[in-house]
Structure formats: structure tokens, C-alpha cells
Amino acid sequence: MRVALGADHAGFELKDHLLTWLATRGVAGLDCGVHGPESVDYPDQAAAVAALVSAGEADFGILVCGSGVGMAIAANKLPGVRAAHCHELFVARLARAHNDANVLTLGARVVGRGLAEALVEAFLDTPYEAGRHARRIEKIGALERPAGRD
């Protein structure tokens, strides 16, 4: 499993922690930055991670900013990306099981390291159920295509 991780200045410490934590679980982390507290624009890191997921170069993405919301909004602009902002385990599991989410966004000012680890674990370990949800995921994909093109 390849997981791309990115963060802005508010989330880089939690991102770095998660990279190390994932490595202890045998998960390859692709670090898309940033690496310090200097102010950056979160859409840049969101785009870097989402592009890897969109292209199939990463199986999943994890994005961390102050709240997690901006990262989700930006990441969801790329085709095939279904980013879910989660700060609760039930929602992280449902995002995968029902929505086939492939990018998890976290708020470093909202969750601590322990909860972040639990959210990532729930997200990565929960399989997509497909079934009745598949038609809905296809409809989401259809929204990304221009009208009249399939």
C-alpha cells in the first residue's frame, strides 16, 4: 500500500508523526511536504497528494491542515479523488465503506496524535463495500465529466 501525505504549516508535525507511524506498520508513505512552520498555501499540498491518488501512483492520501476542511475542498477538485474530512472513527469507517473515499483529511488543531492514528487505521483498514453504494460512486464520477461525454 502506498499512501501520499501532505500538510501545510499547521499540519506538518502531525503529518511527520503519521509518516513515521505508518512506517512501523509497513506502509510506504510518500511525503509531499511541507517540512516546517513557514506559512504556505494548503491547496498546493492538497493538489500534490490528490494528483498522486488521481493518477493511481498512490492508493490513498492523507492531508493535514489546521482544520482539515480546506484540504478536503481542494483535494476534491481533482478527478477520481473522494476526500473525506474526518475527526470521528464512525465517520472515517463510513467514508471508506460507503463512499470509497481515497483521501483522508485531518485537522491538526482538532485531533491529537492518538486519535489521528486511530482515524488513519480505521480509514485504511476499512474496505469499500460496493453493492448498493457503487451506483452512487458512479454518479459522483459522472459529475467530474463534462455533459455529453462518457
Protein backbone atom coordinates (compact mmCIF):
# COMPACT_ATOMS: atom_id res chain seq x y z
CA MET A 1 0.00 0.00 0.00
CA ARG A 2 1.26 3.45 -0.96
CA VAL A 3 -0.06 6.43 0.97
CA ALA A 4 0.75 10.00 -0.05
CA LEU A 5 0.85 12.51 2.79
CA GLY A 6 0.87 16.27 2.68
CA ALA A 7 0.36 19.14 5.07
CA ASP A 8 0.52 22.87 5.41
CA HIS A 9 2.40 24.73 8.12
CA ALA A 10 -0.30 23.95 10.71
CA GLY A 11 -0.24 20.23 9.99
CA PHE A 12 3.37 19.35 9.22
CA GLU A 13 4.18 17.99 12.69
CA LEU A 14 1.18 15.64 12.68
CA LYS A 15 1.95 14.64 9.08
CA ASP A 16 5.54 13.78 10.02
CA HIS A 17 4.31 11.79 13.01
CA LEU A 18 1.90 9.83 10.81
CA LEU A 19 4.65 9.10 8.26
CA THR A 20 6.77 7.54 11.00
CA TRP A 21 3.80 5.71 12.47
CA LEU A 22 2.78 4.29 9.08
CA ALA A 23 6.34 3.04 8.51
CA THR A 24 6.11 0.99 11.73
CA ARG A 25 3.04 -0.67 10.20
CA GLY A 26 4.90 -1.46 6.98
CA VAL A 27 3.05 1.17 4.94
CA ALA A 28 5.03 3.13 2.36
CA GLY A 29 4.48 6.84 2.89
CA LEU A 30 5.11 9.32 0.08
CA ASP A 31 5.96 12.66 1.68
CA CYS A 32 4.59 15.58 -0.35
CA GLY A 33 5.68 18.19 2.22
CA VAL A 34 5.80 20.58 3.90
CA HIS A 35 8.62 20.23 6.41
CA GLY A 36 8.44 23.32 8.58
CA PRO A 37 6.30 26.02 10.13
CA GLU A 38 6.75 28.60 7.36
CA SER A 39 3.38 29.71 6.04
CA VAL A 40 2.27 28.00 2.82
CA ASP A 41 -0.94 27.77 0.84
CA TYR A 42 -2.67 24.46 1.62
CA PRO A 43 -4.12 23.98 -1.90
CA ASP A 44 -0.58 23.31 -3.16
CA GLN A 45 -0.06 20.31 -0.88
CA ALA A 46 -3.63 19.15 -1.43
CA ALA A 47 -3.02 19.19 -5.19
CA ALA A 48 0.27 17.28 -4.86
CA VAL A 49 -1.30 14.45 -2.83
CA ALA A 50 -4.55 14.37 -4.81
CA ALA A 51 -2.64 14.23 -8.10
CA LEU A 52 -0.83 11.08 -6.96
CA VAL A 53 -4.10 9.46 -5.94
CA SER A 54 -5.85 10.58 -9.12
CA ALA A 55 -3.06 9.14 -11.27
CA GLY A 56 -3.01 5.85 -9.37
CA GLU A 57 0.52 6.47 -8.10
CA ALA A 58 -0.77 6.34 -4.52
CA ASP A 59 -3.53 4.09 -3.20
CA PHE A 60 -4.61 6.63 -0.61
CA GLY A 61 -3.83 10.14 0.53
CA ILE A 62 -3.73 11.82 3.91
CA LEU A 63 -3.81 15.60 4.17
CA VAL A 64 -3.38 17.67 7.32
CA CYS A 65 -4.06 21.36 7.82
CA GLY A 66 -5.37 23.32 10.79
CA SER A 67 -8.99 22.20 10.46
CA GLY A 68 -8.83 19.64 7.63
CA VAL A 69 -11.64 21.38 5.77
CA GLY A 70 -9.62 23.40 3.27
CA MET A 71 -7.58 20.36 2.28
CA ALA A 72 -10.76 18.38 1.60
CA ILE A 73 -12.22 21.13 -0.55
CA ALA A 74 -9.04 21.48 -2.60
CA ALA A 75 -8.35 17.75 -2.99
CA ASN A 76 -11.88 17.06 -4.20
CA LYS A 77 -11.27 19.24 -7.27
CA LEU A 78 -9.12 16.52 -8.89
CA PRO A 79 -10.74 13.72 -10.91
CA GLY A 80 -11.26 10.46 -9.09
CA VAL A 81 -10.47 11.93 -5.69
CA ARG A 82 -13.01 11.42 -2.95
CA ALA A 83 -11.58 13.25 0.05
CA ALA A 84 -13.34 12.94 3.38
CA HIS A 85 -12.72 15.20 6.35
CA CYS A 86 -12.94 13.04 9.47
CA HIS A 87 -12.42 13.64 13.15
CA GLU A 88 -14.51 10.74 14.42
CA LEU A 89 -13.98 6.98 13.91
CA PHE A 90 -17.51 6.11 12.78
CA VAL A 91 -17.33 8.69 10.01
CA ALA A 92 -13.84 7.53 8.93
CA ARG A 93 -15.12 3.95 8.57
CA LEU A 94 -18.25 5.01 6.67
CA ALA A 95 -16.25 7.26 4.37
CA ARG A 96 -14.40 4.16 3.19
CA ALA A 97 -17.20 1.59 3.39
CA HIS A 98 -19.95 3.63 1.73
CA ASN A 99 -18.18 6.42 -0.16
CA ASP A 100 -14.98 4.66 -1.27
CA ALA A 101 -13.10 7.71 -0.02
CA ASN A 102 -9.45 7.61 -1.05
CA VAL A 103 -8.13 10.71 0.73
CA LEU A 104 -8.48 11.38 4.44
CA THR A 105 -8.19 14.95 5.68
CA LEU A 106 -7.41 15.77 9.28
CA GLY A 107 -7.28 18.93 11.35
CA ALA A 108 -4.11 19.19 13.41
CA ARG A 109 -5.86 21.74 15.62
CA VAL A 110 -8.78 19.33 16.07
CA VAL A 111 -7.28 15.87 16.66
CA GLY A 112 -4.25 14.75 18.64
CA ARG A 113 -1.73 12.12 17.62
CA GLY A 114 -3.56 9.19 19.20
CA LEU A 115 -6.88 9.97 17.56
CA ALA A 116 -5.14 10.72 14.26
CA GLU A 117 -3.51 7.27 14.34
CA ALA A 118 -6.87 5.64 15.09
CA LEU A 119 -8.56 7.58 12.27
CA VAL A 120 -5.87 6.61 9.77
CA GLU A 121 -6.05 2.98 10.88
CA ALA A 122 -9.85 2.90 10.57
CA PHE A 123 -9.69 4.62 7.18
CA LEU A 124 -7.01 2.38 5.68
CA ASP A 125 -8.30 -0.87 7.17
CA THR A 126 -11.97 -0.46 6.21
CA PRO A 127 -12.82 -1.98 2.84
CA TYR A 128 -15.22 -0.39 0.39
CA GLU A 129 -18.50 -2.34 0.48
CA ALA A 130 -19.57 -1.58 -3.13
CA GLY A 131 -23.01 -3.17 -3.63
CA ARG A 132 -25.74 -0.55 -3.33
CA HIS A 133 -23.07 2.14 -2.88
CA ALA A 134 -21.43 1.53 -6.27
CA ARG A 135 -24.17 3.28 -8.22
CA ARG A 136 -23.75 6.37 -6.06
CA ILE A 137 -19.98 6.41 -6.52
CA GLU A 138 -20.53 6.18 -10.28
CA LYS A 139 -22.85 9.20 -10.07
CA ILE A 140 -20.14 11.13 -8.22
CA GLY A 141 -17.69 10.21 -11.01
CA ALA A 142 -20.20 11.36 -13.61
CA LEU A 143 -20.17 14.82 -12.04
CA GLU A 144 -16.50 15.10 -12.98
CA ARG A 145 -17.15 14.54 -16.68
CA PRO A 146 -18.39 17.30 -18.97
CA ALA A 147 -22.01 16.95 -20.06
CA GLY A 148 -22.40 14.66 -23.07
CA ARG A 149 -19.03 12.92 -22.57
CA ASP A 150 -18.66 9.46 -21.08
